[in-house]
Protein backbone atom coordinates (compact mmCIF):
# COMPACT_ATOMS: atom_id res chain seq x y z
CA UNK A 1 0.02 -0.14 0.25
CA UNK A 2 2.63 2.36 0.62
CA UNK A 3 4.24 1.82 -2.74
CA UNK A 4 0.86 2.48 -4.16
CA UNK A 5 0.40 5.76 -2.43
CA UNK A 6 3.84 6.90 -3.03
CA UNK A 7 3.65 6.27 -6.83
CA UNK A 8 0.28 7.91 -6.98
CA UNK A 9 1.48 11.10 -5.13
CA UNK A 10 4.40 11.16 -7.61
CA UNK A 11 1.94 10.97 -10.65
CA UNK A 12 -0.27 13.59 -9.14
CA UNK A 13 2.77 16.15 -8.00
CA UNK A 14 4.37 15.77 -11.30
CA UNK A 15 0.74 16.45 -13.18
CA UNK A 16 0.40 19.39 -11.16
CA UNK A 17 4.05 20.85 -11.51
CA UNK A 18 2.96 21.22 -15.40
CA UNK A 19 -0.11 23.05 -14.63
CA UNK A 20 -2.18 19.84 -15.49
CA UNK A 21 -5.20 19.32 -13.26
CA UNK A 22 -5.56 15.63 -12.41
CA UNK A 23 -8.97 13.94 -11.87
CA UNK A 24 -8.47 10.72 -9.69
CA UNK A 25 -10.97 7.93 -9.40
CA UNK A 26 -11.31 5.33 -6.78
CA UNK A 27 -11.22 1.80 -8.17
CA UNK A 28 -14.05 -0.49 -8.18
CA UNK A 29 -15.08 -3.55 -5.93
CA UNK A 30 -13.27 -6.39 -7.27
CA UNK A 31 -14.70 -10.06 -6.82
CA UNK A 32 -14.25 -10.84 -3.05
CA UNK A 33 -11.50 -8.08 -2.08
CA UNK A 34 -14.00 -5.35 -1.02
CA UNK A 35 -11.74 -4.69 1.90
CA UNK A 36 -8.50 -4.75 0.04
CA UNK A 37 -10.09 -2.42 -2.61
CA UNK A 38 -11.55 -0.30 0.30
CA UNK A 39 -7.80 0.06 1.60
CA UNK A 40 -6.48 1.35 -1.41
CA UNK A 41 -9.33 3.81 -2.00
CA UNK A 42 -8.90 5.60 1.31
CA UNK A 43 -5.36 6.11 -0.34
CA UNK A 44 -6.87 7.70 -3.08
CA UNK A 45 -9.43 9.78 -0.97
CA UNK A 46 -6.73 10.83 1.18
CA UNK A 47 -4.54 12.06 -1.69
CA UNK A 48 -7.35 14.08 -3.45
CA UNK A 49 -8.16 15.78 -0.26
CA UNK A 50 -4.72 16.24 0.75
CA UNK A 51 -3.66 17.52 -2.79
CA UNK A 52 -7.00 19.10 -2.97
CA UNK A 53 -7.75 17.55 -6.46
CA UNK A 54 -10.92 16.64 -8.17
CA UNK A 55 -11.97 13.19 -6.93
CA UNK A 56 -14.70 10.73 -9.06
CA UNK A 57 -15.85 8.21 -6.08
CA UNK A 58 -16.69 5.36 -8.49
CA UNK A 59 -16.72 2.99 -5.88
CA UNK A 60 -18.82 4.57 -3.18
CA UNK A 61 -21.22 5.46 -6.01
CA UNK A 62 -21.18 1.67 -7.05
CA UNK A 63 -22.18 0.65 -3.38
CA UNK A 64 -24.52 3.47 -2.89
CA UNK A 65 -26.23 2.15 -6.03
CA UNK A 66 -26.09 -1.34 -5.30
CA UNK A 67 -25.25 -2.20 -1.63
CA UNK A 68 -23.45 -5.58 -0.28
CA UNK A 69 -22.54 -7.65 -3.11
CA UNK A 70 -25.57 -6.60 -5.52
CA UNK A 71 -23.01 -4.95 -7.89
CA UNK A 72 -21.74 -8.28 -9.01
CA UNK A 73 -22.99 -9.17 -12.43
CA UNK A 74 -24.68 -5.85 -12.53
CA UNK A 75 -22.47 -2.58 -12.29
CA UNK A 76 -19.41 -4.40 -12.24
CA UNK A 77 -19.06 -7.90 -14.47
CA UNK A 78 -19.26 -11.22 -12.21
CA UNK A 79 -16.00 -12.04 -11.31
CA UNK A 80 -14.30 -8.87 -12.84
CA UNK A 81 -13.30 -5.74 -12.12
CA UNK A 82 -14.51 -4.20 -15.36
CA UNK A 83 -17.62 -2.13 -15.36
CA UNK A 84 -20.58 -4.14 -17.27
CA UNK A 85 -22.07 -2.75 -20.35
CA UNK A 86 -25.32 -3.55 -19.86
CA UNK A 87 -28.55 -2.46 -22.28
CA UNK A 88 -27.95 1.29 -23.16
CA UNK A 89 -30.88 3.78 -21.92
CA UNK A 90 -30.49 7.58 -21.92
CA UNK A 91 -29.38 7.96 -18.39
CA UNK A 92 -31.36 11.57 -18.49
CA UNK A 93 -34.40 9.91 -19.26
CA UNK A 94 -33.76 6.91 -17.36
CA UNK A 95 -31.59 7.45 -14.10
CA UNK A 96 -32.15 3.65 -13.26
CA UNK A 97 -30.12 2.80 -16.40
CA UNK A 98 -27.05 3.65 -14.33
CA UNK A 99 -27.66 0.98 -12.01
CA UNK A 100 -27.00 -1.67 -14.49
CA UNK A 101 -24.59 -0.46 -17.09
CA UNK A 102 -21.48 0.26 -15.10
CA UNK A 103 -19.32 1.92 -18.24
CA UNK A 104 -22.20 4.54 -18.66
CA UNK A 105 -21.86 5.25 -14.45
CA UNK A 106 -18.26 5.88 -14.60
CA UNK A 107 -18.96 7.84 -17.88
CA UNK A 108 -21.80 9.94 -16.35
CA UNK A 109 -19.68 10.43 -13.29
CA UNK A 110 -16.64 11.83 -15.13
CA UNK A 111 -18.91 14.14 -17.17
CA UNK A 112 -20.48 15.43 -13.92
CA UNK A 113 -17.03 15.96 -12.22
CA UNK A 114 -15.91 17.34 -15.77
CA UNK A 115 -18.54 19.99 -15.65
CA UNK A 116 -18.01 20.78 -11.93
CA UNK A 117 -14.32 21.61 -12.66
CA UNK A 118 -15.16 23.66 -15.60
CA UNK A 119 -17.87 25.59 -13.57
CA UNK A 120 -15.27 26.04 -10.72
CA UNK A 121 -12.21 26.89 -12.76
CA UNK A 122 -13.71 28.96 -15.63
CA UNK A 123 -16.92 29.86 -14.03
CA UNK A 124 -15.51 30.98 -10.84
CA UNK A 125 -18.39 29.23 -9.28
CA UNK A 126 -17.60 27.68 -5.59
CA UNK A 127 -18.83 24.18 -5.40
CA UNK A 128 -17.32 23.63 -1.66
CA UNK A 129 -19.64 23.21 1.06
CA UNK A 130 -19.42 22.42 4.89
CA UNK A 131 -22.81 20.78 4.22
CA UNK A 132 -22.25 17.74 2.17
CA UNK A 133 -25.99 17.46 1.39
CA UNK A 134 -25.69 21.22 0.03
CA UNK A 135 -22.29 20.25 -2.07
CA UNK A 136 -24.45 16.87 -3.22
CA UNK A 137 -27.67 18.86 -4.09
CA UNK A 138 -25.68 21.52 -6.38
CA UNK A 139 -23.87 18.71 -8.31
CA UNK A 140 -27.39 16.99 -8.65
CA UNK A 141 -28.47 20.26 -10.07
CA UNK A 142 -25.66 20.37 -12.35
CA UNK A 143 -26.29 17.11 -13.71
CA UNK A 144 -29.96 17.94 -14.44
CA UNK A 145 -28.99 20.92 -16.10
CA UNK A 146 -26.34 19.30 -18.28
CA UNK A 147 -28.83 16.86 -19.20
CA UNK A 148 -31.12 19.25 -20.51
CA UNK A 149 -28.37 21.10 -22.42
CA UNK A 150 -27.39 17.65 -23.93
CA UNK A 151 -30.78 16.68 -25.08
CA UNK A 152 -31.37 20.37 -26.46
CA UNK A 153 -27.92 20.25 -28.55
CA UNK A 154 -28.01 16.53 -29.44
CA UNK A 155 -30.61 14.36 -31.44
CA UNK A 156 -30.86 10.76 -30.13
CA UNK A 157 -29.05 9.79 -33.18
CA UNK A 158 -25.96 11.22 -32.16
């Protein structure tokens, strides 16, 4: 674990030194090694907090959507570490689609985080909140806005 932490910190520091804003993500649960993955994710979350960089908490979102081990074979492939591809359904029209398509969930979380970074960096909006619920409400509101914007700009065929 010390080597993982050291390597990730080195990568993050080198990116920051080159004026690149890293976005890091927790890793998904894996087979029957949720405890080992949790230990690595604790390191990842700690680095994100210490370095004050954006974090996509893929693991936490999976566990929130599929508690226990119900993520196996739904969001993450059975016996795998890879997200499932599932059946496609527009997540803005059918949010439950994110509960059975791991790749779509990861992409959706990434887009939301990128939009949050854009708003913070380019639009000077502050998403930091002492009340976590307030911050989540702001992000969910942003997700709805992005969904409406995407639907208005793109036809279903793109």
